Amino acid sequence: MRLSAIGDCVNALAAIQAIQRELSPSDITWIIGKNEATLFKNIPNINFIIFDKKAGFKEILRIRNILKDRKFDILLNMQSALRASVLSLFIKADIKYGFDKERAMDGQQFFTNKKVPTPKAPHVLDGFMAFTKEIGCIDIKPKWDFSFTNEDLDYAQKQIDGKKVLLLSPSSSKEYKNWTTIGYIEICKYAIQKGFEIIICGGPSSKEKVLAQQIYDSLDKQHVKNLVGQTTLTQMLALIKYSSLVLAPDSGPIHMANALNVPVIGLYAHHNPMRVGPYSFSKYIVSVYDECIALEHHNTQNLKWRTRVHDKFAMQKITTNMVKLAFDKISKDYNLE
């Protein structure tokens, strides 16, 4: 069970596919959020039970009815939240794994009978892979195998058109996690000077559309496409697959790019990027988290795992020059110059 969010579900997929490779279970069921499920609908050999959190307690009762005659060997509860813990009461399994004291939240430890030890590595993905190790997997190096429809691949190829593309996904789920509009514009202009085309992607919310339009209006229209609010999640995944480089703040597309092994620059201030950043591209992260957290905590040596920066203007501390340096480094390392 992992209900949300997009990035966390992408990372949870690596754990599920490790179990499929090593243990070859006859049946895997994934209880997943409604929006998140649309990204994984083409992946074979997983039974999805879709949970709509907006439906409230009625949705928990609906899931209970779906599961009332089913029995599982093991529950892996990778969602440390009260909603998921209550839902787990209706999942019949003798063994219910959850996080240990360090990572459990909202009393999850009272709803599970096996605790997964916190790994030494801080990343959320390492925590998910620790579940697979606990049930017998040996190779716990994260790997992903996404399935695409021909329609999604054709759509992405037509948009990319064989060009060197920077895919910009400027909006996070929380507005304060976004970088500045001016910063996005300047780095896009820099990328265009370096021979990149720009594709702006994102969800359909009004705030995302407004931000994207502001960026689009400030760029040379010959070198930029604004697709915000116009793609499905699977189309966006296909666009990332064919892009040369991805730039985004703390959000799902960071992990989508990482899973597809597409070079990605993540922008961070509020959460520790070593915990939530692009797993395989950490050396290209642009972060002011350390300096911001030091302003809020005198002792930064023993911070709790989830400690975040509360300054809503922290992302403004990221400068264009910082992002340009990361852009140049990743471009050189991946022959994108």
C-alpha atoms as a PDB file:
ATOM      1  CA  MET A   1       0.000   0.000   0.000  1.00  0.00           C
ATOM      2  CA  ARG A   2       1.300   3.377  -1.133  1.00  0.00           C
ATOM      3  CA  LEU A   3      -1.479   5.840  -1.799  1.00  0.00           C
ATOM      4  CA  SER A   4       0.419   9.026  -2.708  1.00  0.00           C
ATOM      5  CA  ALA A   5       2.278  11.053  -4.002  1.00  0.00           C
ATOM      6  CA  ILE A   6       3.473  10.701  -7.626  1.00  0.00           C
ATOM      7  CA  GLY A   7       7.190  10.710  -6.789  1.00  0.00           C
ATOM      8  CA  ASP A   8       6.792   8.366  -3.834  1.00  0.00           C
ATOM      9  CA  CYS A   9       4.705   5.975  -5.919  1.00  0.00           C
ATOM     10  CA  VAL A  10       7.374   5.969  -8.640  1.00  0.00           C
ATOM     11  CA  ASN A  11       9.893   4.994  -5.984  1.00  0.00           C
ATOM     12  CA  ALA A  12       7.527   2.380  -4.541  1.00  0.00           C
ATOM     13  CA  LEU A  13       7.314   0.824  -8.013  1.00  0.00           C
ATOM     14  CA  ALA A  14      11.032   0.000  -7.836  1.00  0.00           C
ATOM     15  CA  ALA A  15      10.366  -2.000  -4.681  1.00  0.00           C
ATOM     16  CA  ILE A  16       7.400  -3.809  -6.223  1.00  0.00           C
ATOM     17  CA  GLN A  17       9.349  -4.732  -9.336  1.00  0.00           C
ATOM     18  CA  ALA A  18      12.276  -5.968  -7.227  1.00  0.00           C
ATOM     19  CA  ILE A  19       9.847  -8.324  -5.492  1.00  0.00           C
ATOM     20  CA  GLN A  20       8.513  -9.485  -8.848  1.00  0.00           C
ATOM     21  CA  ARG A  21      12.016 -10.204 -10.158  1.00  0.00           C
ATOM     22  CA  GLU A  22      13.332 -12.029  -7.118  1.00  0.00           C
ATOM     23  CA  LEU A  23      10.392 -13.689  -5.425  1.00  0.00           C
ATOM     24  CA  SER A  24       8.023 -14.219  -8.382  1.00  0.00           C
ATOM     25  CA  PRO A  25       4.831 -13.915  -6.332  1.00  0.00           C
ATOM     26  CA  SER A  26       1.687 -15.223  -7.950  1.00  0.00           C
ATOM     27  CA  ASP A  27      -0.317 -12.172  -6.981  1.00  0.00           C
ATOM     28  CA  ILE A  28       0.597  -8.567  -6.165  1.00  0.00           C
ATOM     29  CA  THR A  29      -2.100  -6.075  -5.315  1.00  0.00           C
ATOM     30  CA  TRP A  30      -1.277  -2.379  -4.990  1.00  0.00           C
ATOM     31  CA  ILE A  31      -3.674  -0.064  -3.171  1.00  0.00           C
ATOM     32  CA  ILE A  32      -2.921   3.311  -4.704  1.00  0.00           C
ATOM     33  CA  GLY A  33      -4.364   6.807  -4.997  1.00  0.00           C
ATOM     34  CA  LYS A  34      -6.735   7.696  -7.833  1.00  0.00           C
ATOM     35  CA  ASN A  35      -4.500  10.243  -9.558  1.00  0.00           C
ATOM     36  CA  GLU A  36      -1.322   8.240  -9.008  1.00  0.00           C
ATOM     37  CA  ALA A  37      -2.874   5.117 -10.518  1.00  0.00           C
ATOM     38  CA  THR A  38      -3.181   6.785 -13.930  1.00  0.00           C
ATOM     39  CA  LEU A  39       0.619   6.823 -14.235  1.00  0.00           C
ATOM     40  CA  PHE A  40       0.952   3.062 -13.713  1.00  0.00           C
ATOM     41  CA  LYS A  41      -2.091   1.760 -15.569  1.00  0.00           C
ATOM     42  CA  ASN A  42       0.021   0.193 -18.342  1.00  0.00           C
ATOM     43  CA  ILE A  43       2.316  -1.781 -16.034  1.00  0.00           C
ATOM     44  CA  PRO A  44       1.523  -5.509 -16.211  1.00  0.00           C
ATOM     45  CA  ASN A  45       1.159  -8.104 -13.457  1.00  0.00           C
ATOM     46  CA  ILE A  46      -0.064  -5.765 -10.744  1.00  0.00           C
ATOM     47  CA  ASN A  47      -3.663  -5.712  -9.517  1.00  0.00           C
ATOM     48  CA  PHE A  48      -4.557  -2.115  -8.722  1.00  0.00           C
ATOM     49  CA  ILE A  49      -7.172  -1.155  -6.154  1.00  0.00           C
ATOM     50  CA  ILE A  50      -7.751   2.564  -6.572  1.00  0.00           C
ATOM     51  CA  PHE A  51      -8.370   4.660  -3.476  1.00  0.00           C
ATOM     52  CA  ASP A  52     -10.037   8.067  -3.840  1.00  0.00           C
ATOM     53  CA  LYS A  53      -9.052  10.029  -0.739  1.00  0.00           C
ATOM     54  CA  LYS A  54     -11.524  12.795  -1.596  1.00  0.00           C
ATOM     55  CA  ALA A  55     -14.397  10.380  -0.920  1.00  0.00           C
ATOM     56  CA  GLY A  56     -13.565  10.260   2.799  1.00  0.00           C
ATOM     57  CA  PHE A  57     -14.575   7.436   5.118  1.00  0.00           C
ATOM     58  CA  LYS A  58     -17.037   6.075   2.544  1.00  0.00           C
ATOM     59  CA  GLU A  59     -14.043   5.178   0.409  1.00  0.00           C
ATOM     60  CA  ILE A  60     -12.494   3.165   3.227  1.00  0.00           C
ATOM     61  CA  LEU A  61     -15.758   1.231   3.539  1.00  0.00           C
ATOM     62  CA  ARG A  62     -15.795   0.676  -0.229  1.00  0.00           C
ATOM     63  CA  ILE A  63     -12.276  -0.753  -0.132  1.00  0.00           C
ATOM     64  CA  ARG A  64     -13.277  -2.914   2.837  1.00  0.00           C
ATOM     65  CA  ASN A  65     -16.055  -4.453   0.773  1.00  0.00           C
ATOM     66  CA  ILE A  66     -13.664  -5.125  -2.116  1.00  0.00           C
ATOM     67  CA  LEU A  67     -11.226  -6.890   0.219  1.00  0.00           C
ATOM     68  CA  LYS A  68     -13.649  -8.673   2.557  1.00  0.00           C
ATOM     69  CA  ASP A  69     -13.189 -12.088   0.926  1.00  0.00           C
ATOM     70  CA  ARG A  70      -9.469 -11.764   0.175  1.00  0.00           C
ATOM     71  CA  LYS A  71      -6.513 -12.915   2.245  1.00  0.00           C
ATOM     72  CA  PHE A  72      -2.911 -11.887   1.645  1.00  0.00           C
ATOM     73  CA  ASP A  73       0.337 -13.407   2.892  1.00  0.00           C
ATOM     74  CA  ILE A  74       1.956 -10.038   3.543  1.00  0.00           C
ATOM     75  CA  LEU A  75       0.988  -6.377   3.675  1.00  0.00           C
ATOM     76  CA  LEU A  76       3.722  -3.853   2.960  1.00  0.00           C
ATOM     77  CA  ASN A  77       2.358  -0.578   4.318  1.00  0.00           C
ATOM     78  CA  MET A  78       4.604   2.056   2.759  1.00  0.00           C
ATOM     79  CA  GLN A  79       2.257   4.924   3.625  1.00  0.00           C
ATOM     80  CA  SER A  80       2.931   6.311   7.074  1.00  0.00           C
ATOM     81  CA  ALA A  81      -0.345   8.175   7.520  1.00  0.00           C
ATOM     82  CA  LEU A  82      -3.450   7.657   9.642  1.00  0.00           C
ATOM     83  CA  ARG A  83      -5.708   7.194   6.609  1.00  0.00           C
ATOM     84  CA  ALA A  84      -3.566   4.297   5.380  1.00  0.00           C
ATOM     85  CA  SER A  85      -3.313   2.788   8.852  1.00  0.00           C
ATOM     86  CA  VAL A  86      -7.106   2.778   9.252  1.00  0.00           C
ATOM     87  CA  LEU A  87      -7.417   1.226   5.801  1.00  0.00           C
ATOM     88  CA  SER A  88      -4.909  -1.469   6.798  1.00  0.00           C
ATOM     89  CA  LEU A  89      -7.340  -2.707   9.465  1.00  0.00           C
ATOM     90  CA  PHE A  90      -9.480  -4.111   6.655  1.00  0.00           C
ATOM     91  CA  ILE A  91      -6.624  -5.878   4.896  1.00  0.00           C
ATOM     92  CA  LYS A  92      -6.461  -9.507   5.986  1.00  0.00           C
ATOM     93  CA  ALA A  93      -2.793 -10.471   6.300  1.00  0.00           C
ATOM     94  CA  ASP A  94      -0.981 -12.340   9.056  1.00  0.00           C
ATOM     95  CA  ILE A  95       2.144 -10.253   8.528  1.00  0.00           C
ATOM     96  CA  LYS A  96       1.869  -6.488   8.251  1.00  0.00           C
ATOM     97  CA  TYR A  97       5.109  -4.601   7.687  1.00  0.00           C
ATOM     98  CA  GLY A  98       5.487  -0.910   8.430  1.00  0.00           C
ATOM     99  CA  PHE A  99       8.193   1.609   9.211  1.00  0.00           C
ATOM    100  CA  ASP A 100      10.139   1.493  12.443  1.00  0.00           C
ATOM    101  CA  LYS A 101       9.991   4.188  15.116  1.00  0.00           C
ATOM    102  CA  GLU A 102      12.269   6.578  13.241  1.00  0.00           C
ATOM    103  CA  ARG A 103      10.091   6.813  10.131  1.00  0.00           C
ATOM    104  CA  ALA A 104       6.606   5.843  11.314  1.00  0.00           C
ATOM    105  CA  MET A 105       4.107   8.683  11.639  1.00  0.00           C
ATOM    106  CA  ASP A 106       0.552   9.104  12.905  1.00  0.00           C
ATOM    107  CA  GLY A 107       0.823   5.996  15.070  1.00  0.00           C
ATOM    108  CA  GLN A 108       1.513   3.613  12.195  1.00  0.00           C
ATOM    109  CA  GLN A 109       3.542   1.400  14.539  1.00  0.00           C
ATOM    110  CA  PHE A 110       0.325   0.389  16.327  1.00  0.00           C
ATOM    111  CA  PHE A 111      -1.174  -0.978  13.103  1.00  0.00           C
ATOM    112  CA  THR A 112       1.728  -3.225  12.032  1.00  0.00           C
ATOM    113  CA  ASN A 113       3.341  -6.299  13.567  1.00  0.00           C
ATOM    114  CA  LYS A 114       6.676  -6.194  11.714  1.00  0.00           C
ATOM    115  CA  LYS A 115       8.927  -3.141  11.628  1.00  0.00           C
ATOM    116  CA  VAL A 116      11.281  -2.439   8.740  1.00  0.00           C
ATOM    117  CA  PRO A 117      14.623  -1.161  10.074  1.00  0.00           C
ATOM    118  CA  THR A 118      15.596   2.297   8.871  1.00  0.00           C
ATOM    119  CA  PRO A 119      18.502   1.973   6.411  1.00  0.00           C
ATOM    120  CA  LYS A 120      21.676   3.997   6.874  1.00  0.00           C
ATOM    121  CA  ALA A 121      21.029   5.836   3.630  1.00  0.00           C
ATOM    122  CA  PRO A 122      18.510   8.659   4.160  1.00  0.00           C
ATOM    123  CA  HIS A 123      16.619   8.543   0.860  1.00  0.00           C
ATOM    124  CA  VAL A 124      12.923   7.661   0.797  1.00  0.00           C
ATOM    125  CA  LEU A 125      13.675   5.123  -1.922  1.00  0.00           C
ATOM    126  CA  ASP A 126      16.159   3.313   0.316  1.00  0.00           C
ATOM    127  CA  GLY A 127      13.413   3.089   2.909  1.00  0.00           C
ATOM    128  CA  PHE A 128      11.090   1.459   0.376  1.00  0.00           C
ATOM    129  CA  MET A 129      13.766  -0.959  -0.812  1.00  0.00           C
ATOM    130  CA  ALA A 130      14.340  -1.950   2.836  1.00  0.00           C
ATOM    131  CA  PHE A 131      10.872  -3.556   2.725  1.00  0.00           C
ATOM    132  CA  THR A 132      12.042  -5.836  -0.086  1.00  0.00           C
ATOM    133  CA  LYS A 133      15.174  -6.815   1.814  1.00  0.00           C
ATOM    134  CA  GLU A 134      13.105  -7.639   4.874  1.00  0.00           C
ATOM    135  CA  ILE A 135      10.989 -10.163   2.961  1.00  0.00           C
ATOM    136  CA  GLY A 136      13.936 -11.887   1.278  1.00  0.00           C
ATOM    137  CA  CYS A 137      15.112  -9.936  -1.757  1.00  0.00           C
ATOM    138  CA  ILE A 138      18.875  -9.945  -2.289  1.00  0.00           C
ATOM    139  CA  ASP A 139      19.290  -7.499  -5.156  1.00  0.00           C
ATOM    140  CA  ILE A 140      17.736  -4.321  -3.795  1.00  0.00           C
ATOM    141  CA  LYS A 141      19.315  -1.914  -6.255  1.00  0.00           C
ATOM    142  CA  PRO A 142      16.401   0.144  -7.601  1.00  0.00           C
ATOM    143  CA  LYS A 143      15.383  -0.608 -11.190  1.00  0.00           C
ATOM    144  CA  TRP A 144      12.266   0.397 -13.097  1.00  0.00           C
ATOM    145  CA  ASP A 145      10.482  -1.139 -16.041  1.00  0.00           C
ATOM    146  CA  PHE A 146       7.788   1.188 -17.374  1.00  0.00           C
ATOM    147  CA  SER A 147       5.391   0.155 -20.085  1.00  0.00           C
ATOM    148  CA  PHE A 148       4.241   2.678 -22.674  1.00  0.00           C
ATOM    149  CA  THR A 149       1.419   2.600 -25.182  1.00  0.00           C
ATOM    150  CA  ASN A 150       2.279   3.280 -28.803  1.00  0.00           C
ATOM    151  CA  GLU A 151      -0.069   6.271 -28.660  1.00  0.00           C
ATOM    152  CA  ASP A 152       1.868   7.892 -25.810  1.00  0.00           C
ATOM    153  CA  LEU A 153       5.223   7.211 -27.471  1.00  0.00           C
ATOM    154  CA  ASP A 154       3.999   8.610 -30.798  1.00  0.00           C
ATOM    155  CA  TYR A 155       2.677  11.723 -29.068  1.00  0.00           C
ATOM    156  CA  ALA A 156       5.985  12.339 -27.300  1.00  0.00           C
ATOM    157  CA  GLN A 157       8.095  11.714 -30.379  1.00  0.00           C
ATOM    158  CA  LYS A 158       6.050  14.228 -32.382  1.00  0.00           C
ATOM    159  CA  GLN A 159       6.486  16.867 -29.687  1.00  0.00           C
ATOM    160  CA  ILE A 160      10.232  16.225 -29.279  1.00  0.00           C
ATOM    161  CA  ASP A 161      10.813  15.781 -33.040  1.00  0.00           C
ATOM    162  CA  GLY A 162      14.357  14.475 -32.543  1.00  0.00           C
ATOM    163  CA  LYS A 163      15.544  17.761 -31.015  1.00  0.00           C
ATOM    164  CA  LYS A 164      17.658  18.445 -27.956  1.00  0.00           C
ATOM    165  CA  VAL A 165      14.983  19.299 -25.403  1.00  0.00           C
ATOM    166  CA  LEU A 166      14.962  20.708 -21.899  1.00  0.00           C
ATOM    167  CA  LEU A 167      11.709  19.646 -20.285  1.00  0.00           C
ATOM    168  CA  LEU A 168      10.769  22.174 -17.622  1.00  0.00           C
ATOM    169  CA  SER A 169       8.180  21.211 -15.021  1.00  0.00           C
ATOM    170  CA  PRO A 170       8.118  24.411 -12.959  1.00  0.00           C
ATOM    171  CA  SER A 171       5.388  23.661 -10.420  1.00  0.00           C
ATOM    172  CA  SER A 172       5.439  21.548  -7.295  1.00  0.00           C
ATOM    173  CA  SER A 173       2.378  20.437  -5.334  1.00  0.00           C
ATOM    174  CA  LYS A 174       3.084  23.267  -2.885  1.00  0.00           C
ATOM    175  CA  GLU A 175       3.537  26.709  -4.396  1.00  0.00           C
ATOM    176  CA  TYR A 176       6.272  27.659  -1.929  1.00  0.00           C
ATOM    177  CA  LYS A 177       8.438  24.851  -3.333  1.00  0.00           C
ATOM    178  CA  ASN A 178       8.537  26.517  -6.756  1.00  0.00           C
ATOM    179  CA  TRP A 179      11.540  28.487  -7.910  1.00  0.00           C
ATOM    180  CA  THR A 180      11.095  32.101  -9.071  1.00  0.00           C
ATOM    181  CA  THR A 181       9.444  32.937 -12.383  1.00  0.00           C
ATOM    182  CA  ILE A 182      12.427  35.109 -13.303  1.00  0.00           C
ATOM    183  CA  GLY A 183      14.788  32.256 -12.495  1.00  0.00           C
ATOM    184  CA  TYR A 184      12.913  29.833 -14.734  1.00  0.00           C
ATOM    185  CA  ILE A 185      12.874  32.364 -17.562  1.00  0.00           C
ATOM    186  CA  GLU A 186      16.596  33.068 -17.299  1.00  0.00           C
ATOM    187  CA  ILE A 187      17.605  29.407 -17.266  1.00  0.00           C
ATOM    188  CA  CYS A 188      15.338  28.706 -20.256  1.00  0.00           C
ATOM    189  CA  LYS A 189      16.972  31.539 -22.183  1.00  0.00           C
ATOM    190  CA  TYR A 190      20.361  30.108 -21.220  1.00  0.00           C
ATOM    191  CA  ALA A 191      19.318  26.653 -22.449  1.00  0.00           C
ATOM    192  CA  ILE A 192      18.081  28.085 -25.751  1.00  0.00           C
ATOM    193  CA  GLN A 193      21.459  29.783 -26.225  1.00  0.00           C
ATOM    194  CA  LYS A 194      23.016  26.337 -25.722  1.00  0.00           C
ATOM    195  CA  GLY A 195      20.906  24.847 -28.505  1.00  0.00           C
ATOM    196  CA  PHE A 196      18.024  23.393 -26.483  1.00  0.00           C
ATOM    197  CA  GLU A 197      14.332  23.561 -27.293  1.00  0.00           C
ATOM    198  CA  ILE A 198      12.058  24.071 -24.276  1.00  0.00           C
ATOM    199  CA  ILE A 199       8.942  22.070 -23.438  1.00  0.00           C
ATOM    200  CA  ILE A 200       6.989  23.242 -20.390  1.00  0.00           C
ATOM    201  CA  CYS A 201       4.866  20.566 -18.711  1.00  0.00           C
ATOM    202  CA  GLY A 202       2.619  20.384 -15.688  1.00  0.00           C
ATOM    203  CA  GLY A 203      -0.849  19.810 -14.347  1.00  0.00           C
ATOM    204  CA  PRO A 204      -4.154  21.539 -15.117  1.00  0.00           C
ATOM    205  CA  SER A 205      -4.458  23.780 -12.054  1.00  0.00           C
ATOM    206  CA  SER A 206      -4.894  27.497 -12.655  1.00  0.00           C
ATOM    207  CA  LYS A 207      -1.726  28.361 -10.719  1.00  0.00           C
ATOM    208  CA  GLU A 208       0.352  25.984 -12.840  1.00  0.00           C
ATOM    209  CA  LYS A 209      -1.118  27.422 -16.026  1.00  0.00           C
ATOM    210  CA  VAL A 210      -0.456  31.004 -14.954  1.00  0.00           C
ATOM    211  CA  LEU A 211       3.187  30.273 -14.068  1.00  0.00           C
ATOM    212  CA  ALA A 212       3.760  28.398 -17.320  1.00  0.00           C
ATOM    213  CA  GLN A 213       2.175  31.173 -19.378  1.00  0.00           C
ATOM    214  CA  GLN A 214       4.393  33.792 -17.725  1.00  0.00           C
ATOM    215  CA  ILE A 215       7.469  31.757 -18.623  1.00  0.00           C
ATOM    216  CA  TYR A 216       6.232  31.043 -22.148  1.00  0.00           C
ATOM    217  CA  ASP A 217       5.397  34.699 -22.844  1.00  0.00           C
ATOM    218  CA  SER A 218       8.958  35.732 -21.989  1.00  0.00           C
ATOM    219  CA  LEU A 219      10.675  33.296 -24.375  1.00  0.00           C
ATOM    220  CA  ASP A 220      11.273  33.075 -28.101  1.00  0.00           C
ATOM    221  CA  LYS A 221       8.182  31.221 -29.353  1.00  0.00           C
ATOM    222  CA  GLN A 222      10.249  29.434 -32.017  1.00  0.00           C
ATOM    223  CA  HIS A 223      12.023  27.468 -29.296  1.00  0.00           C
ATOM    224  CA  VAL A 224       9.355  26.759 -26.695  1.00  0.00           C
ATOM    225  CA  LYS A 225       6.142  24.745 -26.332  1.00  0.00           C
ATOM    226  CA  ASN A 226       3.728  25.175 -23.457  1.00  0.00           C
ATOM    227  CA  LEU A 227       1.954  21.864 -22.797  1.00  0.00           C
ATOM    228  CA  VAL A 228       0.902  22.575 -19.209  1.00  0.00           C
ATOM    229  CA  GLY A 229      -2.534  21.106 -18.548  1.00  0.00           C
ATOM    230  CA  GLN A 230      -2.591  19.405 -21.957  1.00  0.00           C
ATOM    231  CA  THR A 231      -0.993  16.031 -21.206  1.00  0.00           C
ATOM    232  CA  THR A 232      -1.920  12.937 -19.275  1.00  0.00           C
ATOM    233  CA  LEU A 233       0.580  11.586 -16.756  1.00  0.00           C
ATOM    234  CA  THR A 234       1.572   8.792 -19.121  1.00  0.00           C
ATOM    235  CA  GLN A 235       2.087  11.280 -21.965  1.00  0.00           C
ATOM    236  CA  MET A 236       4.265  13.361 -19.675  1.00  0.00           C
ATOM    237  CA  LEU A 237       6.242  10.263 -18.750  1.00  0.00           C
ATOM    238  CA  ALA A 238       6.793   9.575 -22.448  1.00  0.00           C
ATOM    239  CA  LEU A 239       7.874  13.186 -23.003  1.00  0.00           C
ATOM    240  CA  ILE A 240      10.423  12.809 -20.219  1.00  0.00           C
ATOM    241  CA  LYS A 241      11.652   9.565 -21.781  1.00  0.00           C
ATOM    242  CA  TYR A 242      12.563  11.354 -25.028  1.00  0.00           C
ATOM    243  CA  SER A 243      13.837  14.583 -23.454  1.00  0.00           C
ATOM    244  CA  SER A 244      17.538  15.328 -23.151  1.00  0.00           C
ATOM    245  CA  LEU A 245      17.307  16.992 -19.753  1.00  0.00           C
ATOM    246  CA  VAL A 246      14.668  17.689 -17.097  1.00  0.00           C
ATOM    247  CA  LEU A 247      14.527  20.649 -14.699  1.00  0.00           C
ATOM    248  CA  ALA A 248      12.040  20.785 -11.828  1.00  0.00           C
ATOM    249  CA  PRO A 249      11.593  21.686  -8.180  1.00  0.00           C
ATOM    250  CA  ASP A 250      10.726  19.083  -5.532  1.00  0.00           C
ATOM    251  CA  SER A 251       7.991  17.199  -7.420  1.00  0.00           C
ATOM    252  CA  GLY A 252       6.990  13.975  -9.173  1.00  0.00           C
ATOM    253  CA  PRO A 253       8.728  14.630 -12.521  1.00  0.00           C
ATOM    254  CA  ILE A 254      12.087  14.571 -10.716  1.00  0.00           C
ATOM    255  CA  HIS A 255      11.516  10.916  -9.820  1.00  0.00           C
ATOM    256  CA  MET A 256       9.922  10.085 -13.159  1.00  0.00           C
ATOM    257  CA  ALA A 257      13.091  11.289 -14.908  1.00  0.00           C
ATOM    258  CA  ASN A 258      15.305   9.443 -12.450  1.00  0.00           C
ATOM    259  CA  ALA A 259      13.379   6.202 -12.998  1.00  0.00           C
ATOM    260  CA  LEU A 260      13.852   6.557 -16.769  1.00  0.00           C
ATOM    261  CA  ASN A 261      17.551   7.439 -16.315  1.00  0.00           C
ATOM    262  CA  VAL A 262      17.024  10.820 -17.962  1.00  0.00           C
ATOM    263  CA  PRO A 263      19.434  13.515 -16.672  1.00  0.00           C
ATOM    264  CA  VAL A 264      17.619  15.742 -14.194  1.00  0.00           C
ATOM    265  CA  ILE A 265      18.361  18.872 -12.183  1.00  0.00           C
ATOM    266  CA  GLY A 266      16.324  19.153  -8.993  1.00  0.00           C
ATOM    267  CA  LEU A 267      15.831  22.447  -7.144  1.00  0.00           C
ATOM    268  CA  TYR A 268      15.470  22.230  -3.352  1.00  0.00           C
ATOM    269  CA  ALA A 269      15.146  24.418  -0.285  1.00  0.00           C
ATOM    270  CA  HIS A 270      12.456  23.037   2.020  1.00  0.00           C
ATOM    271  CA  HIS A 271      13.262  19.329   2.231  1.00  0.00           C
ATOM    272  CA  ASN A 272      16.574  17.545   2.448  1.00  0.00           C
ATOM    273  CA  PRO A 273      17.417  16.599  -1.158  1.00  0.00           C
ATOM    274  CA  MET A 274      19.418  13.634   0.110  1.00  0.00           C
ATOM    275  CA  ARG A 275      16.064  12.303   1.322  1.00  0.00           C
ATOM    276  CA  VAL A 276      13.746  13.316  -1.521  1.00  0.00           C
ATOM    277  CA  GLY A 277      15.971  14.301  -4.455  1.00  0.00           C
ATOM    278  CA  PRO A 278      16.661  12.438  -7.726  1.00  0.00           C
ATOM    279  CA  TYR A 279      18.244   9.216  -6.488  1.00  0.00           C
ATOM    280  CA  SER A 280      20.818   8.699  -9.254  1.00  0.00           C
ATOM    281  CA  PHE A 281      21.458  12.357 -10.073  1.00  0.00           C
ATOM    282  CA  SER A 282      22.193  13.788  -6.647  1.00  0.00           C
ATOM    283  CA  LYS A 283      25.403  15.517  -7.722  1.00  0.00           C
ATOM    284  CA  TYR A 284      23.395  17.821  -9.992  1.00  0.00           C
ATOM    285  CA  ILE A 285      20.993  18.953  -7.283  1.00  0.00           C
ATOM    286  CA  VAL A 286      20.780  22.690  -6.657  1.00  0.00           C
ATOM    287  CA  SER A 287      19.991  23.116  -2.981  1.00  0.00           C
ATOM    288  CA  VAL A 288      19.953  25.788  -0.295  1.00  0.00           C
ATOM    289  CA  TYR A 289      18.460  23.394   2.262  1.00  0.00           C
ATOM    290  CA  ASP A 290      21.584  23.190   4.430  1.00  0.00           C
ATOM    291  CA  GLU A 291      21.999  26.931   4.797  1.00  0.00           C
ATOM    292  CA  CYS A 292      18.284  27.477   5.374  1.00  0.00           C
ATOM    293  CA  ILE A 293      17.934  24.730   7.968  1.00  0.00           C
ATOM    294  CA  ALA A 294      20.969  26.111   9.792  1.00  0.00           C
ATOM    295  CA  LEU A 295      19.133  29.422  10.206  1.00  0.00           C
ATOM    296  CA  GLU A 296      16.209  27.636  11.887  1.00  0.00           C
ATOM    297  CA  HIS A 297      18.115  25.107  14.031  1.00  0.00           C
ATOM    298  CA  HIS A 298      21.198  25.761  16.141  1.00  0.00           C
ATOM    299  CA  ASN A 299      22.105  22.052  16.191  1.00  0.00           C
ATOM    300  CA  THR A 300      21.858  20.478  12.748  1.00  0.00           C
ATOM    301  CA  GLN A 301      23.689  17.262  13.681  1.00  0.00           C
ATOM    302  CA  ASN A 302      20.723  15.431  15.175  1.00  0.00           C
ATOM    303  CA  LEU A 303      17.817  16.646  13.105  1.00  0.00           C
ATOM    304  CA  LYS A 304      14.854  14.346  12.703  1.00  0.00           C
ATOM    305  CA  TRP A 305      14.601  12.593   9.356  1.00  0.00           C
ATOM    306  CA  ARG A 306      11.703  14.729   8.089  1.00  0.00           C
ATOM    307  CA  THR A 307      12.920  18.115   9.365  1.00  0.00           C
ATOM    308  CA  ARG A 308      11.990  20.780   6.846  1.00  0.00           C
ATOM    309  CA  VAL A 309      12.629  24.455   6.297  1.00  0.00           C
ATOM    310  CA  HIS A 310       9.631  26.628   7.180  1.00  0.00           C
ATOM    311  CA  ASP A 311      10.722  29.834   5.464  1.00  0.00           C
ATOM    312  CA  LYS A 312       8.209  30.178   2.610  1.00  0.00           C
ATOM    313  CA  PHE A 313      10.654  32.301   0.653  1.00  0.00           C
ATOM    314  CA  ALA A 314      13.570  29.863   0.917  1.00  0.00           C
ATOM    315  CA  MET A 315      13.508  28.930  -2.793  1.00  0.00           C
ATOM    316  CA  GLN A 316      14.335  32.538  -3.645  1.00  0.00           C
ATOM    317  CA  LYS A 317      17.811  31.938  -2.234  1.00  0.00           C
ATOM    318  CA  ILE A 318      18.584  29.752  -5.274  1.00  0.00           C
ATOM    319  CA  THR A 319      20.359  31.954  -7.811  1.00  0.00           C
ATOM    320  CA  THR A 320      20.364  31.653 -11.572  1.00  0.00           C
ATOM    321  CA  ASN A 321      24.135  31.189 -11.498  1.00  0.00           C
ATOM    322  CA  MET A 322      23.766  28.161  -9.204  1.00  0.00           C
ATOM    323  CA  VAL A 323      21.394  26.546 -11.685  1.00  0.00           C
ATOM    324  CA  LYS A 324      23.593  27.468 -14.655  1.00  0.00           C
ATOM    325  CA  LEU A 325      26.553  25.732 -13.009  1.00  0.00           C
ATOM    326  CA  ALA A 326      24.522  22.559 -12.540  1.00  0.00           C
ATOM    327  CA  PHE A 327      23.209  22.884 -16.104  1.00  0.00           C
ATOM    328  CA  ASP A 328      26.744  23.146 -17.512  1.00  0.00           C
ATOM    329  CA  LYS A 329      27.998  20.231 -15.428  1.00  0.00           C
ATOM    330  CA  ILE A 330      25.208  17.836 -16.360  1.00  0.00           C
ATOM    331  CA  SER A 331      25.392  18.937 -20.004  1.00  0.00           C
ATOM    332  CA  LYS A 332      29.109  18.133 -20.089  1.00  0.00           C
ATOM    333  CA  ASP A 333      28.754  14.820 -18.269  1.00  0.00           C
ATOM    334  CA  TYR A 334      25.985  13.628 -20.600  1.00  0.00           C
ATOM    335  CA  ASN A 335      27.353  15.082 -23.842  1.00  0.00           C
ATOM    336  CA  LEU A 336      24.532  17.580 -24.219  1.00  0.00           C
ATOM    337  CA  GLU A 337      26.724  20.553 -25.049  1.00  0.00           C
END
